[in-house]
Structures are given as structure tokens and as C-alpha cells.
Amino acid sequence: MRHKTERSELSRLSVGELRRRRRRLARALQDFEATLQGALVTQGRRCGKAGCRCTQGELHGPYVYVALARARGGSRLLYVPEELREVVRQKIATTEYLAATLEAISEINLELLARRALE
């Protein structure tokens, strides 16, 4: 579910409506322990053994990884075992939902600030 709200839509709402919307969004913020930042990626791999089929382009896998952003740019891959793939997918989805919800709340707060109604 995406919460991104157009600024013009918010400008049509009353201060009371903005505050009610912000409260409703804030109530949806829960389960912070179920977050995992990253993106699922699927890749094939080469093993490096001289006579292996992967040297001819037939890669091993596919394997699932979480791509993790690094502070200095680039990313790191962390292997996800098959039995944890759904859990990892759900945690990444939760993180994306929470980020979208926080962004929507921030947009409402900006609109309230512009009206000098931010408390």
C-alpha cells in the first residue's frame, strides 16, 4: 500500500482532516522489529572449478540474496536460504510500507507547517 499524497490533495483538506489523516497513518506504524532494509535479488554463480558447466555459461542457482546498501556507495549481497525467503520478503515489504507511511506523515506535517497549524 502506498501512501504518497499529492501536495495539492493535502491543500484541499481542512486542518482537522489533516490531523485525523496523520493520526490514522501514525496508528498504522507498528512492528518495527519486523523490518529489514534491502532488496531481494536473484543471481546465478560460477564456482570456479576448471571443468564445471558454469565455465561455459551455465551458472549455478539461481540463488536469492539481499542487496544491502553500503555507506560509501555500492552494495553487499547476503545469501538468503530458501527456508527464510518468504520471511525476508515480508520484512522488506514491511520496511517499505513503514517508509511510505512516514513520508506521508511528513507531507501532512509540511502542509500543517505551511498553514502555521503544526503543533
PDB file of N, CA and C in Angstrom:
ATOM      1  N   MET A   1       0.845  -1.179   0.000  1.00  0.00           N
ATOM      2  CA  MET A   1       0.000   0.000   0.000  1.00  0.00           C
ATOM      3  C   MET A   1       0.887   1.236   0.000  1.00  0.00           C
ATOM      4  N   ARG A   2       0.623   2.142  -0.878  1.00  0.00           N
ATOM      5  CA  ARG A   2       1.442   3.336  -0.991  1.00  0.00           C
ATOM      6  C   ARG A   2       0.693   4.523  -0.420  1.00  0.00           C
ATOM      7  N   HIS A   3       1.406   5.370   0.331  1.00  0.00           N
ATOM      8  CA  HIS A   3       0.772   6.499   0.989  1.00  0.00           C
ATOM      9  C   HIS A   3       1.118   7.837   0.355  1.00  0.00           C
ATOM     10  N   LYS A   4       1.948   7.838  -0.660  1.00  0.00           N
ATOM     11  CA  LYS A   4       2.378   9.100  -1.263  1.00  0.00           C
ATOM     12  C   LYS A   4       1.151   9.928  -1.615  1.00  0.00           C
ATOM     13  N   THR A   5       1.122  11.153  -1.133  1.00  0.00           N
ATOM     14  CA  THR A   5      -0.019  12.022  -1.344  1.00  0.00           C
ATOM     15  C   THR A   5       0.424  13.248  -2.120  1.00  0.00           C
ATOM     16  N   GLU A   6      -0.361  13.619  -3.095  1.00  0.00           N
ATOM     17  CA  GLU A   6      -0.070  14.826  -3.852  1.00  0.00           C
ATOM     18  C   GLU A   6      -0.277  16.034  -2.947  1.00  0.00           C
ATOM     19  N   ARG A   7       0.636  16.976  -3.034  1.00  0.00           N
ATOM     20  CA  ARG A   7       0.576  18.190  -2.215  1.00  0.00           C
ATOM     21  C   ARG A   7      -0.738  18.938  -2.437  1.00  0.00           C
ATOM     22  N   SER A   8      -1.214  18.968  -3.686  1.00  0.00           N
ATOM     23  CA  SER A   8      -2.461  19.678  -3.988  1.00  0.00           C
ATOM     24  C   SER A   8      -3.653  19.019  -3.293  1.00  0.00           C
ATOM     25  N   GLU A   9      -3.599  17.686  -3.154  1.00  0.00           N
ATOM     26  CA  GLU A   9      -4.681  16.982  -2.449  1.00  0.00           C
ATOM     27  C   GLU A   9      -4.716  17.399  -0.988  1.00  0.00           C
ATOM     28  N   LEU A  10      -3.562  17.504  -0.375  1.00  0.00           N
ATOM     29  CA  LEU A  10      -3.499  17.910   1.030  1.00  0.00           C
ATOM     30  C   LEU A  10      -3.969  19.346   1.210  1.00  0.00           C
ATOM     31  N   SER A  11      -3.687  20.192   0.258  1.00  0.00           N
ATOM     32  CA  SER A  11      -4.066  21.605   0.388  1.00  0.00           C
ATOM     33  C   SER A  11      -5.574  21.803   0.381  1.00  0.00           C
ATOM     34  N   ARG A  12      -6.313  20.816  -0.116  1.00  0.00           N
ATOM     35  CA  ARG A  12      -7.777  20.906  -0.139  1.00  0.00           C
ATOM     36  C   ARG A  12      -8.414  20.461   1.173  1.00  0.00           C
ATOM     37  N   LEU A  13      -7.637  19.846   2.050  1.00  0.00           N
ATOM     38  CA  LEU A  13      -8.175  19.337   3.313  1.00  0.00           C
ATOM     39  C   LEU A  13      -8.105  20.398   4.401  1.00  0.00           C
ATOM     40  N   SER A  14      -9.041  20.329   5.329  1.00  0.00           N
ATOM     41  CA  SER A  14      -9.011  21.239   6.469  1.00  0.00           C
ATOM     42  C   SER A  14      -7.921  20.796   7.437  1.00  0.00           C
ATOM     43  N   VAL A  15      -7.576  21.659   8.371  1.00  0.00           N
ATOM     44  CA  VAL A  15      -6.575  21.324   9.386  1.00  0.00           C
ATOM     45  C   VAL A  15      -7.034  20.104  10.180  1.00  0.00           C
ATOM     46  N   GLY A  16      -8.297  20.050  10.530  1.00  0.00           N
ATOM     47  CA  GLY A  16      -8.829  18.893  11.259  1.00  0.00           C
ATOM     48  C   GLY A  16      -8.710  17.607  10.464  1.00  0.00           C
ATOM     49  N   GLU A  17      -9.015  17.673   9.169  1.00  0.00           N
ATOM     50  CA  GLU A  17      -8.899  16.495   8.316  1.00  0.00           C
ATOM     51  C   GLU A  17      -7.446  16.048   8.188  1.00  0.00           C
ATOM     52  N   LEU A  18      -6.538  17.005   8.073  1.00  0.00           N
ATOM     53  CA  LEU A  18      -5.110  16.671   8.012  1.00  0.00           C
ATOM     54  C   LEU A  18      -4.663  15.969   9.285  1.00  0.00           C
ATOM     55  N   ARG A  19      -5.071  16.496  10.417  1.00  0.00           N
ATOM     56  CA  ARG A  19      -4.675  15.885  11.697  1.00  0.00           C
ATOM     57  C   ARG A  19      -5.267  14.491  11.861  1.00  0.00           C
ATOM     58  N   ARG A  20      -6.520  14.300  11.432  1.00  0.00           N
ATOM     59  CA  ARG A  20      -7.137  12.965  11.509  1.00  0.00           C
ATOM     60  C   ARG A  20      -6.406  11.978  10.604  1.00  0.00           C
ATOM     61  N   ARG A  21      -6.058  12.425   9.394  1.00  0.00           N
ATOM     62  CA  ARG A  21      -5.329  11.557   8.464  1.00  0.00           C
ATOM     63  C   ARG A  21      -3.967  11.195   9.053  1.00  0.00           C
ATOM     64  N   ARG A  22      -3.286  12.175   9.633  1.00  0.00           N
ATOM     65  CA  ARG A  22      -1.968  11.926  10.231  1.00  0.00           C
ATOM     66  C   ARG A  22      -2.088  10.929  11.389  1.00  0.00           C
ATOM     67  N   ARG A  23      -3.118  11.077  12.224  1.00  0.00           N
ATOM     68  CA  ARG A  23      -3.336  10.145  13.348  1.00  0.00           C
ATOM     69  C   ARG A  23      -3.583   8.731  12.841  1.00  0.00           C
ATOM     70  N   ARG A  24      -4.408   8.613  11.781  1.00  0.00           N
ATOM     71  CA  ARG A  24      -4.708   7.294  11.215  1.00  0.00           C
ATOM     72  C   ARG A  24      -3.431   6.643  10.673  1.00  0.00           C
ATOM     73  N   LEU A  25      -2.617   7.411   9.972  1.00  0.00           N
ATOM     74  CA  LEU A  25      -1.355   6.886   9.455  1.00  0.00           C
ATOM     75  C   LEU A  25      -0.418   6.488  10.594  1.00  0.00           C
ATOM     76  N   ALA A  26      -0.354   7.302  11.628  1.00  0.00           N
ATOM     77  CA  ALA A  26       0.539   7.010  12.759  1.00  0.00           C
ATOM     78  C   ALA A  26       0.131   5.720  13.467  1.00  0.00           C
ATOM     79  N   ARG A  27      -1.170   5.463  13.548  1.00  0.00           N
ATOM     80  CA  ARG A  27      -1.635   4.215  14.182  1.00  0.00           C
ATOM     81  C   ARG A  27      -1.177   2.986  13.392  1.00  0.00           C
ATOM     82  N   ALA A  28      -0.965   3.151  12.099  1.00  0.00           N
ATOM     83  CA  ALA A  28      -0.525   2.033  11.253  1.00  0.00           C
ATOM     84  C   ALA A  28       0.952   1.715  11.450  1.00  0.00           C
ATOM     85  N   LEU A  29       1.677   2.597  12.120  1.00  0.00           N
ATOM     86  CA  LEU A  29       3.107   2.374  12.352  1.00  0.00           C
ATOM     87  C   LEU A  29       3.274   1.444  13.546  1.00  0.00           C
ATOM     88  N   GLN A  30       3.667   0.245  13.258  1.00  0.00           N
ATOM     89  CA  GLN A  30       3.888  -0.743  14.304  1.00  0.00           C
ATOM     90  C   GLN A  30       4.841  -1.806  13.789  1.00  0.00           C
ATOM     91  N   ASP A  31       5.196  -2.691  14.635  1.00  0.00           N
ATOM     92  CA  ASP A  31       6.011  -3.833  14.256  1.00  0.00           C
ATOM     93  C   ASP A  31       7.368  -3.427  13.671  1.00  0.00           C
ATOM     94  N   PHE A  32       8.024  -2.475  14.338  1.00  0.00           N
ATOM     95  CA  PHE A  32       9.322  -2.010  13.864  1.00  0.00           C
ATOM     96  C   PHE A  32      10.387  -3.107  13.899  1.00  0.00           C
ATOM     97  N   GLU A  33      10.184  -4.120  14.728  1.00  0.00           N
ATOM     98  CA  GLU A  33      11.144  -5.226  14.792  1.00  0.00           C
ATOM     99  C   GLU A  33      11.074  -6.108  13.554  1.00  0.00           C
ATOM    100  N   ALA A  34      10.033  -5.941  12.748  1.00  0.00           N
ATOM    101  CA  ALA A  34       9.851  -6.789  11.562  1.00  0.00           C
ATOM    102  C   ALA A  34      10.398  -6.108  10.310  1.00  0.00           C
ATOM    103  N   THR A  35      11.397  -5.247  10.478  1.00  0.00           N
ATOM    104  CA  THR A  35      11.918  -4.536   9.319  1.00  0.00           C
ATOM    105  C   THR A  35      13.262  -5.098   8.875  1.00  0.00           C
ATOM    106  N   LEU A  36      13.516  -4.953   7.602  1.00  0.00           N
ATOM    107  CA  LEU A  36      14.792  -5.341   7.017  1.00  0.00           C
ATOM    108  C   LEU A  36      14.989  -4.486   5.778  1.00  0.00           C
ATOM    109  N   GLN A  37      15.994  -3.639   5.815  1.00  0.00           N
ATOM    110  CA  GLN A  37      16.250  -2.759   4.693  1.00  0.00           C
ATOM    111  C   GLN A  37      17.123  -3.467   3.677  1.00  0.00           C
ATOM    112  N   GLY A  38      16.714  -3.410   2.435  1.00  0.00           N
ATOM    113  CA  GLY A  38      17.456  -4.065   1.366  1.00  0.00           C
ATOM    114  C   GLY A  38      16.512  -4.423   0.244  1.00  0.00           C
ATOM    115  N   ALA A  39      17.039  -5.107  -0.741  1.00  0.00           N
ATOM    116  CA  ALA A  39      16.233  -5.537  -1.878  1.00  0.00           C
ATOM    117  C   ALA A  39      16.599  -6.982  -2.206  1.00  0.00           C
ATOM    118  N   LEU A  40      15.601  -7.779  -2.502  1.00  0.00           N
ATOM    119  CA  LEU A  40      15.861  -9.156  -2.908  1.00  0.00           C
ATOM    120  C   LEU A  40      16.331  -9.185  -4.354  1.00  0.00           C
ATOM    121  N   VAL A  41      17.393  -9.924  -4.596  1.00  0.00           N
ATOM    122  CA  VAL A  41      17.906 -10.109  -5.953  1.00  0.00           C
ATOM    123  C   VAL A  41      18.181 -11.596  -6.164  1.00  0.00           C
ATOM    124  N   THR A  42      18.057 -12.029  -7.395  1.00  0.00           N
ATOM    125  CA  THR A  42      18.324 -13.417  -7.763  1.00  0.00           C
ATOM    126  C   THR A  42      19.492 -13.425  -8.737  1.00  0.00           C
ATOM    127  N   GLN A  43      20.456 -14.312  -8.474  1.00  0.00           N
ATOM    128  CA  GLN A  43      21.638 -14.394  -9.331  1.00  0.00           C
ATOM    129  C   GLN A  43      22.073 -15.836  -9.501  1.00  0.00           C
ATOM    130  N   GLY A  44      22.724 -16.084 -10.620  1.00  0.00           N
ATOM    131  CA  GLY A  44      23.426 -17.338 -10.834  1.00  0.00           C
ATOM    132  C   GLY A  44      24.894 -17.108 -10.481  1.00  0.00           C
ATOM    133  N   ARG A  45      25.618 -18.174 -10.161  1.00  0.00           N
ATOM    134  CA  ARG A  45      27.022 -18.042  -9.740  1.00  0.00           C
ATOM    135  C   ARG A  45      27.916 -19.029 -10.463  1.00  0.00           C
ATOM    136  N   ARG A  46      29.189 -18.649 -10.535  1.00  0.00           N
ATOM    137  CA  ARG A  46      30.239 -19.545 -11.021  1.00  0.00           C
ATOM    138  C   ARG A  46      30.990 -20.077  -9.805  1.00  0.00           C
ATOM    139  N   CYS A  47      31.322 -21.354  -9.852  1.00  0.00           N
ATOM    140  CA  CYS A  47      32.024 -21.954  -8.711  1.00  0.00           C
ATOM    141  C   CYS A  47      33.541 -21.840  -8.835  1.00  0.00           C
ATOM    142  N   GLY A  48      34.040 -21.709 -10.037  1.00  0.00           N
ATOM    143  CA  GLY A  48      35.478 -21.568 -10.228  1.00  0.00           C
ATOM    144  C   GLY A  48      36.214 -22.865 -10.514  1.00  0.00           C
ATOM    145  N   LYS A  49      35.530 -23.993 -10.488  1.00  0.00           N
ATOM    146  CA  LYS A  49      36.186 -25.269 -10.804  1.00  0.00           C
ATOM    147  C   LYS A  49      36.416 -25.350 -12.311  1.00  0.00           C
ATOM    148  N   ALA A  50      37.594 -25.777 -12.683  1.00  0.00           N
ATOM    149  CA  ALA A  50      38.024 -25.751 -14.086  1.00  0.00           C
ATOM    150  C   ALA A  50      37.087 -26.457 -15.058  1.00  0.00           C
ATOM    151  N   GLY A  51      36.608 -27.648 -14.757  1.00  0.00           N
ATOM    152  CA  GLY A  51      35.797 -28.391 -15.720  1.00  0.00           C
ATOM    153  C   GLY A  51      34.301 -28.221 -15.529  1.00  0.00           C
ATOM    154  N   CYS A  52      33.879 -27.333 -14.697  1.00  0.00           N
ATOM    155  CA  CYS A  52      32.454 -27.210 -14.367  1.00  0.00           C
ATOM    156  C   CYS A  52      31.664 -26.564 -15.506  1.00  0.00           C
ATOM    157  N   ARG A  53      30.388 -26.909 -15.557  1.00  0.00           N
ATOM    158  CA  ARG A  53      29.479 -26.359 -16.569  1.00  0.00           C
ATOM    159  C   ARG A  53      29.363 -24.846 -16.489  1.00  0.00           C
ATOM    160  N   CYS A  54      29.622 -24.275 -15.302  1.00  0.00           N
ATOM    161  CA  CYS A  54      29.478 -22.822 -15.162  1.00  0.00           C
ATOM    162  C   CYS A  54      30.557 -22.062 -15.931  1.00  0.00           C
ATOM    163  N   THR A  55      31.668 -22.715 -16.240  1.00  0.00           N
ATOM    164  CA  THR A  55      32.699 -22.048 -17.042  1.00  0.00           C
ATOM    165  C   THR A  55      32.237 -21.846 -18.478  1.00  0.00           C
ATOM    166  N   GLN A  56      31.227 -22.621 -18.895  1.00  0.00           N
ATOM    167  CA  GLN A  56      30.656 -22.495 -20.240  1.00  0.00           C
ATOM    168  C   GLN A  56      29.412 -21.597 -20.253  1.00  0.00           C
ATOM    169  N   GLY A  57      29.110 -20.973 -19.106  1.00  0.00           N
ATOM    170  CA  GLY A  57      27.984 -20.044 -19.047  1.00  0.00           C
ATOM    171  C   GLY A  57      26.734 -20.588 -18.394  1.00  0.00           C
ATOM    172  N   GLU A  58      26.707 -21.895 -18.060  1.00  0.00           N
ATOM    173  CA  GLU A  58      25.544 -22.469 -17.388  1.00  0.00           C
ATOM    174  C   GLU A  58      25.751 -22.315 -15.877  1.00  0.00           C
ATOM    175  N   LEU A  59      25.279 -21.183 -15.340  1.00  0.00           N
ATOM    176  CA  LEU A  59      25.562 -20.818 -13.959  1.00  0.00           C
ATOM    177  C   LEU A  59      24.806 -21.697 -12.957  1.00  0.00           C
ATOM    178  N   HIS A  60      25.349 -21.790 -11.756  1.00  0.00           N
ATOM    179  CA  HIS A  60      24.685 -22.475 -10.641  1.00  0.00           C
ATOM    180  C   HIS A  60      23.596 -21.551 -10.097  1.00  0.00           C
ATOM    181  N   GLY A  61      22.556 -22.157  -9.576  1.00  0.00           N
ATOM    182  CA  GLY A  61      21.498 -21.344  -8.976  1.00  0.00           C
ATOM    183  C   GLY A  61      20.203 -21.514  -9.736  1.00  0.00           C
ATOM    184  N   PRO A  62      19.340 -20.576  -9.671  1.00  0.00           N
ATOM    185  CA  PRO A  62      19.533 -19.229  -9.143  1.00  0.00           C
ATOM    186  C   PRO A  62      19.514 -19.202  -7.612  1.00  0.00           C
ATOM    187  N   TYR A  63      20.258 -18.259  -7.061  1.00  0.00           N
ATOM    188  CA  TYR A  63      20.340 -18.043  -5.628  1.00  0.00           C
ATOM    189  C   TYR A  63      19.730 -16.684  -5.303  1.00  0.00           C
ATOM    190  N   VAL A  64      19.133 -16.588  -4.129  1.00  0.00           N
ATOM    191  CA  VAL A  64      18.488 -15.345  -3.701  1.00  0.00           C
ATOM    192  C   VAL A  64      19.372 -14.673  -2.658  1.00  0.00           C
ATOM    193  N   TYR A  65      19.525 -13.365  -2.825  1.00  0.00           N
ATOM    194  CA  TYR A  65      20.339 -12.552  -1.916  1.00  0.00           C
ATOM    195  C   TYR A  65      19.559 -11.305  -1.515  1.00  0.00           C
ATOM    196  N   VAL A  66      19.965 -10.713  -0.398  1.00  0.00           N
ATOM    197  CA  VAL A  66      19.508  -9.373  -0.038  1.00  0.00           C
ATOM    198  C   VAL A  66      20.644  -8.443  -0.413  1.00  0.00           C
ATOM    199  N   ALA A  67      20.327  -7.440  -1.225  1.00  0.00           N
ATOM    200  CA  ALA A  67      21.310  -6.412  -1.573  1.00  0.00           C
ATOM    201  C   ALA A  67      21.228  -5.327  -0.513  1.00  0.00           C
ATOM    202  N   LEU A  68      22.346  -5.087   0.149  1.00  0.00           N
ATOM    203  CA  LEU A  68      22.417  -4.100   1.230  1.00  0.00           C
ATOM    204  C   LEU A  68      23.274  -2.930   0.778  1.00  0.00           C
ATOM    205  N   ALA A  69      22.733  -1.732   0.897  1.00  0.00           N
ATOM    206  CA  ALA A  69      23.489  -0.536   0.503  1.00  0.00           C
ATOM    207  C   ALA A  69      24.625  -0.304   1.495  1.00  0.00           C
ATOM    208  N   ARG A  70      25.755   0.122   0.967  1.00  0.00           N
ATOM    209  CA  ARG A  70      26.906   0.464   1.794  1.00  0.00           C
ATOM    210  C   ARG A  70      26.999   1.969   1.938  1.00  0.00           C
ATOM    211  N   ALA A  71      27.561   2.406   3.049  1.00  0.00           N
ATOM    212  CA  ALA A  71      27.672   3.837   3.324  1.00  0.00           C
ATOM    213  C   ALA A  71      28.473   4.563   2.253  1.00  0.00           C
ATOM    214  N   ARG A  72      29.476   3.930   1.701  1.00  0.00           N
ATOM    215  CA  ARG A  72      30.339   4.565   0.697  1.00  0.00           C
ATOM    216  C   ARG A  72      29.879   4.291  -0.728  1.00  0.00           C
ATOM    217  N   GLY A  73      28.662   3.841  -0.887  1.00  0.00           N
ATOM    218  CA  GLY A  73      28.148   3.523  -2.217  1.00  0.00           C
ATOM    219  C   GLY A  73      28.313   2.042  -2.512  1.00  0.00           C
ATOM    220  N   GLY A  74      27.681   1.616  -3.557  1.00  0.00           N
ATOM    221  CA  GLY A  74      27.734   0.200  -3.899  1.00  0.00           C
ATOM    222  C   GLY A  74      26.817  -0.603  -2.989  1.00  0.00           C
ATOM    223  N   SER A  75      26.914  -1.911  -3.097  1.00  0.00           N
ATOM    224  CA  SER A  75      26.084  -2.760  -2.252  1.00  0.00           C
ATOM    225  C   SER A  75      26.818  -4.044  -1.920  1.00  0.00           C
ATOM    226  N   ARG A  76      26.305  -4.722  -0.944  1.00  0.00           N
ATOM    227  CA  ARG A  76      26.823  -6.005  -0.499  1.00  0.00           C
ATOM    228  C   ARG A  76      25.685  -7.003  -0.607  1.00  0.00           C
ATOM    229  N   LEU A  77      25.986  -8.227  -0.981  1.00  0.00           N
ATOM    230  CA  LEU A  77      24.965  -9.261  -1.085  1.00  0.00           C
ATOM    231  C   LEU A  77      25.088 -10.226   0.074  1.00  0.00           C
ATOM    232  N   LEU A  78      23.950 -10.576   0.648  1.00  0.00           N
ATOM    233  CA  LEU A  78      23.885 -11.553   1.724  1.00  0.00           C
ATOM    234  C   LEU A  78      22.948 -12.674   1.275  1.00  0.00           C
ATOM    235  N   TYR A  79      23.451 -13.891   1.268  1.00  0.00           N
ATOM    236  CA  TYR A  79      22.674 -15.043   0.804  1.00  0.00           C
ATOM    237  C   TYR A  79      21.463 -15.266   1.708  1.00  0.00           C
ATOM    238  N   VAL A  80      20.323 -15.602   1.083  1.00  0.00           N
ATOM    239  CA  VAL A  80      19.089 -15.901   1.815  1.00  0.00           C
ATOM    240  C   VAL A  80      18.740 -17.367   1.579  1.00  0.00           C
ATOM    241  N   PRO A  81      18.817 -18.197   2.618  1.00  0.00           N
ATOM    242  CA  PRO A  81      18.434 -19.610   2.448  1.00  0.00           C
ATOM    243  C   PRO A  81      16.963 -19.725   2.045  1.00  0.00           C
ATOM    244  N   GLU A  82      16.651 -20.750   1.302  1.00  0.00           N
ATOM    245  CA  GLU A  82      15.289 -20.925   0.780  1.00  0.00           C
ATOM    246  C   GLU A  82      14.231 -20.881   1.879  1.00  0.00           C
ATOM    247  N   GLU A  83      14.518 -21.478   3.024  1.00  0.00           N
ATOM    248  CA  GLU A  83      13.513 -21.522   4.100  1.00  0.00           C
ATOM    249  C   GLU A  83      13.252 -20.155   4.730  1.00  0.00           C
ATOM    250  N   LEU A  84      14.096 -19.161   4.450  1.00  0.00           N
ATOM    251  CA  LEU A  84      13.905 -17.817   5.008  1.00  0.00           C
ATOM    252  C   LEU A  84      13.446 -16.795   3.972  1.00  0.00           C
ATOM    253  N   ARG A  85      13.294 -17.195   2.743  1.00  0.00           N
ATOM    254  CA  ARG A  85      12.984 -16.240   1.674  1.00  0.00           C
ATOM    255  C   ARG A  85      11.679 -15.493   1.897  1.00  0.00           C
ATOM    256  N   GLU A  86      10.634 -16.190   2.288  1.00  0.00           N
ATOM    257  CA  GLU A  86       9.341 -15.520   2.487  1.00  0.00           C
ATOM    258  C   GLU A  86       9.404 -14.574   3.683  1.00  0.00           C
ATOM    259  N   VAL A  87      10.066 -14.966   4.745  1.00  0.00           N
ATOM    260  CA  VAL A  87      10.221 -14.105   5.921  1.00  0.00           C
ATOM    261  C   VAL A  87      10.976 -12.834   5.537  1.00  0.00           C
ATOM    262  N   VAL A  88      12.055 -12.994   4.781  1.00  0.00           N
ATOM    263  CA  VAL A  88      12.856 -11.847   4.338  1.00  0.00           C
ATOM    264  C   VAL A  88      12.023 -10.951   3.432  1.00  0.00           C
ATOM    265  N   ARG A  89      11.279 -11.530   2.503  1.00  0.00           N
ATOM    266  CA  ARG A  89      10.429 -10.745   1.607  1.00  0.00           C
ATOM    267  C   ARG A  89       9.408  -9.929   2.396  1.00  0.00           C
ATOM    268  N   GLN A  90       8.798 -10.546   3.407  1.00  0.00           N
ATOM    269  CA  GLN A  90       7.810  -9.847   4.232  1.00  0.00           C
ATOM    270  C   GLN A  90       8.452  -8.705   5.024  1.00  0.00           C
ATOM    271  N   LYS A  91       9.631  -8.942   5.557  1.00  0.00           N
ATOM    272  CA  LYS A  91      10.308  -7.898   6.334  1.00  0.00           C
ATOM    273  C   LYS A  91      10.715  -6.715   5.452  1.00  0.00           C
ATOM    274  N   ILE A  92      11.153  -6.975   4.248  1.00  0.00           N
ATOM    275  CA  ILE A  92      11.488  -5.894   3.317  1.00  0.00           C
ATOM    276  C   ILE A  92      10.216  -5.120   2.946  1.00  0.00           C
ATOM    277  N   ALA A  93       9.121  -5.825   2.705  1.00  0.00           N
ATOM    278  CA  ALA A  93       7.848  -5.170   2.382  1.00  0.00           C
ATOM    279  C   ALA A  93       7.374  -4.310   3.552  1.00  0.00           C
ATOM    280  N   THR A  94       7.536  -4.795   4.777  1.00  0.00           N
ATOM    281  CA  THR A  94       7.164  -4.012   5.965  1.00  0.00           C
ATOM    282  C   THR A  94       7.982  -2.736   6.036  1.00  0.00           C
ATOM    283  N   THR A  95       9.269  -2.835   5.758  1.00  0.00           N
ATOM    284  CA  THR A  95      10.141  -1.665   5.779  1.00  0.00           C
ATOM    285  C   THR A  95       9.698  -0.636   4.748  1.00  0.00           C
ATOM    286  N   GLU A  96       9.364  -1.093   3.550  1.00  0.00           N
ATOM    287  CA  GLU A  96       8.900  -0.182   2.501  1.00  0.00           C
ATOM    288  C   GLU A  96       7.581   0.479   2.893  1.00  0.00           C
ATOM    289  N   TYR A  97       6.682  -0.282   3.512  1.00  0.00           N
ATOM    290  CA  TYR A  97       5.397   0.268   3.969  1.00  0.00           C
ATOM    291  C   TYR A  97       5.614   1.325   5.044  1.00  0.00           C
ATOM    292  N   LEU A  98       6.476   1.031   6.012  1.00  0.00           N
ATOM    293  CA  LEU A  98       6.746   1.995   7.074  1.00  0.00           C
ATOM    294  C   LEU A  98       7.369   3.268   6.521  1.00  0.00           C
ATOM    295  N   ALA A  99       8.290   3.144   5.584  1.00  0.00           N
ATOM    296  CA  ALA A  99       8.929   4.318   4.976  1.00  0.00           C
ATOM    297  C   ALA A  99       7.900   5.169   4.234  1.00  0.00           C
ATOM    298  N   ALA A 100       6.997   4.536   3.494  1.00  0.00           N
ATOM    299  CA  ALA A 100       5.962   5.272   2.767  1.00  0.00           C
ATOM    300  C   ALA A 100       5.011   5.972   3.733  1.00  0.00           C
ATOM    301  N   THR A 101       4.693   5.315   4.842  1.00  0.00           N
ATOM    302  CA  THR A 101       3.805   5.902   5.843  1.00  0.00           C
ATOM    303  C   THR A 101       4.469   7.107   6.501  1.00  0.00           C
ATOM    304  N   LEU A 102       5.736   6.986   6.861  1.00  0.00           N
ATOM    305  CA  LEU A 102       6.457   8.115   7.450  1.00  0.00           C
ATOM    306  C   LEU A 102       6.544   9.285   6.472  1.00  0.00           C
ATOM    307  N   GLU A 103       6.744   8.993   5.200  1.00  0.00           N
ATOM    308  CA  GLU A 103       6.792  10.056   4.191  1.00  0.00           C
ATOM    309  C   GLU A 103       5.450  10.776   4.092  1.00  0.00           C
ATOM    310  N   ALA A 104       4.357  10.025   4.133  1.00  0.00           N
ATOM    311  CA  ALA A 104       3.021  10.627   4.068  1.00  0.00           C
ATOM    312  C   ALA A 104       2.764  11.503   5.282  1.00  0.00           C
ATOM    313  N   ILE A 105       3.172  11.041   6.468  1.00  0.00           N
ATOM    314  CA  ILE A 105       3.008  11.847   7.681  1.00  0.00           C
ATOM    315  C   ILE A 105       3.827  13.127   7.575  1.00  0.00           C
ATOM    316  N   SER A 106       5.034  13.027   7.056  1.00  0.00           N
ATOM    317  CA  SER A 106       5.878  14.198   6.877  1.00  0.00           C
ATOM    318  C   SER A 106       5.236  15.202   5.921  1.00  0.00           C
ATOM    319  N   GLU A 107       4.632  14.721   4.848  1.00  0.00           N
ATOM    320  CA  GLU A 107       3.951  15.607   3.899  1.00  0.00           C
ATOM    321  C   GLU A 107       2.800  16.349   4.572  1.00  0.00           C
ATOM    322  N   ILE A 108       2.055  15.635   5.409  1.00  0.00           N
ATOM    323  CA  ILE A 108       0.961  16.276   6.152  1.00  0.00           C
ATOM    324  C   ILE A 108       1.528  17.335   7.095  1.00  0.00           C
ATOM    325  N   ASN A 109       2.601  17.001   7.795  1.00  0.00           N
ATOM    326  CA  ASN A 109       3.214  17.963   8.712  1.00  0.00           C
ATOM    327  C   ASN A 109       3.726  19.195   7.971  1.00  0.00           C
ATOM    328  N   LEU A 110       4.260  19.008   6.775  1.00  0.00           N
ATOM    329  CA  LEU A 110       4.692  20.159   5.972  1.00  0.00           C
ATOM    330  C   LEU A 110       3.514  21.049   5.600  1.00  0.00           C
ATOM    331  N   GLU A 111       2.404  20.433   5.245  1.00  0.00           N
ATOM    332  CA  GLU A 111       1.206  21.208   4.920  1.00  0.00           C
ATOM    333  C   GLU A 111       0.705  21.962   6.154  1.00  0.00           C
ATOM    334  N   LEU A 112       0.708  21.297   7.298  1.00  0.00           N
ATOM    335  CA  LEU A 112       0.300  21.961   8.541  1.00  0.00           C
ATOM    336  C   LEU A 112       1.251  23.105   8.884  1.00  0.00           C
ATOM    337  N   LEU A 113       2.537  22.898   8.677  1.00  0.00           N
ATOM    338  CA  LEU A 113       3.520  23.953   8.928  1.00  0.00           C
ATOM    339  C   LEU A 113       3.266  25.149   8.008  1.00  0.00           C
ATOM    340  N   ALA A 114       3.002  24.888   6.750  1.00  0.00           N
ATOM    341  CA  ALA A 114       2.731  25.977   5.808  1.00  0.00           C
ATOM    342  C   ALA A 114       1.511  26.798   6.233  1.00  0.00           C
ATOM    343  N   ARG A 115       0.576  26.159   6.922  1.00  0.00           N
ATOM    344  CA  ARG A 115      -0.623  26.847   7.419  1.00  0.00           C
ATOM    345  C   ARG A 115      -0.420  27.398   8.830  1.00  0.00           C
ATOM    346  N   ARG A 116       0.767  27.222   9.372  1.00  0.00           N
ATOM    347  CA  ARG A 116       1.096  27.651  10.742  1.00  0.00           C
ATOM    348  C   ARG A 116       0.197  26.938  11.764  1.00  0.00           C
ATOM    349  N   ALA A 117      -0.139  25.670  11.466  1.00  0.00           N
ATOM    350  CA  ALA A 117      -1.024  24.887  12.328  1.00  0.00           C
ATOM    351  C   ALA A 117      -0.327  23.642  12.876  1.00  0.00           C
ATOM    352  N   LEU A 118       0.995  23.598  12.756  1.00  0.00           N
ATOM    353  CA  LEU A 118       1.744  22.439  13.258  1.00  0.00           C
ATOM    354  C   LEU A 118       1.908  22.587  14.762  1.00  0.00           C
ATOM    355  N   GLU A 119       1.508  21.570  15.485  1.00  0.00           N
ATOM    356  CA  GLU A 119       1.661  21.615  16.957  1.00  0.00           C
ATOM    357  C   GLU A 119       2.690  20.628  17.396  1.00  0.00           C
TER     358      GLU A 119
END
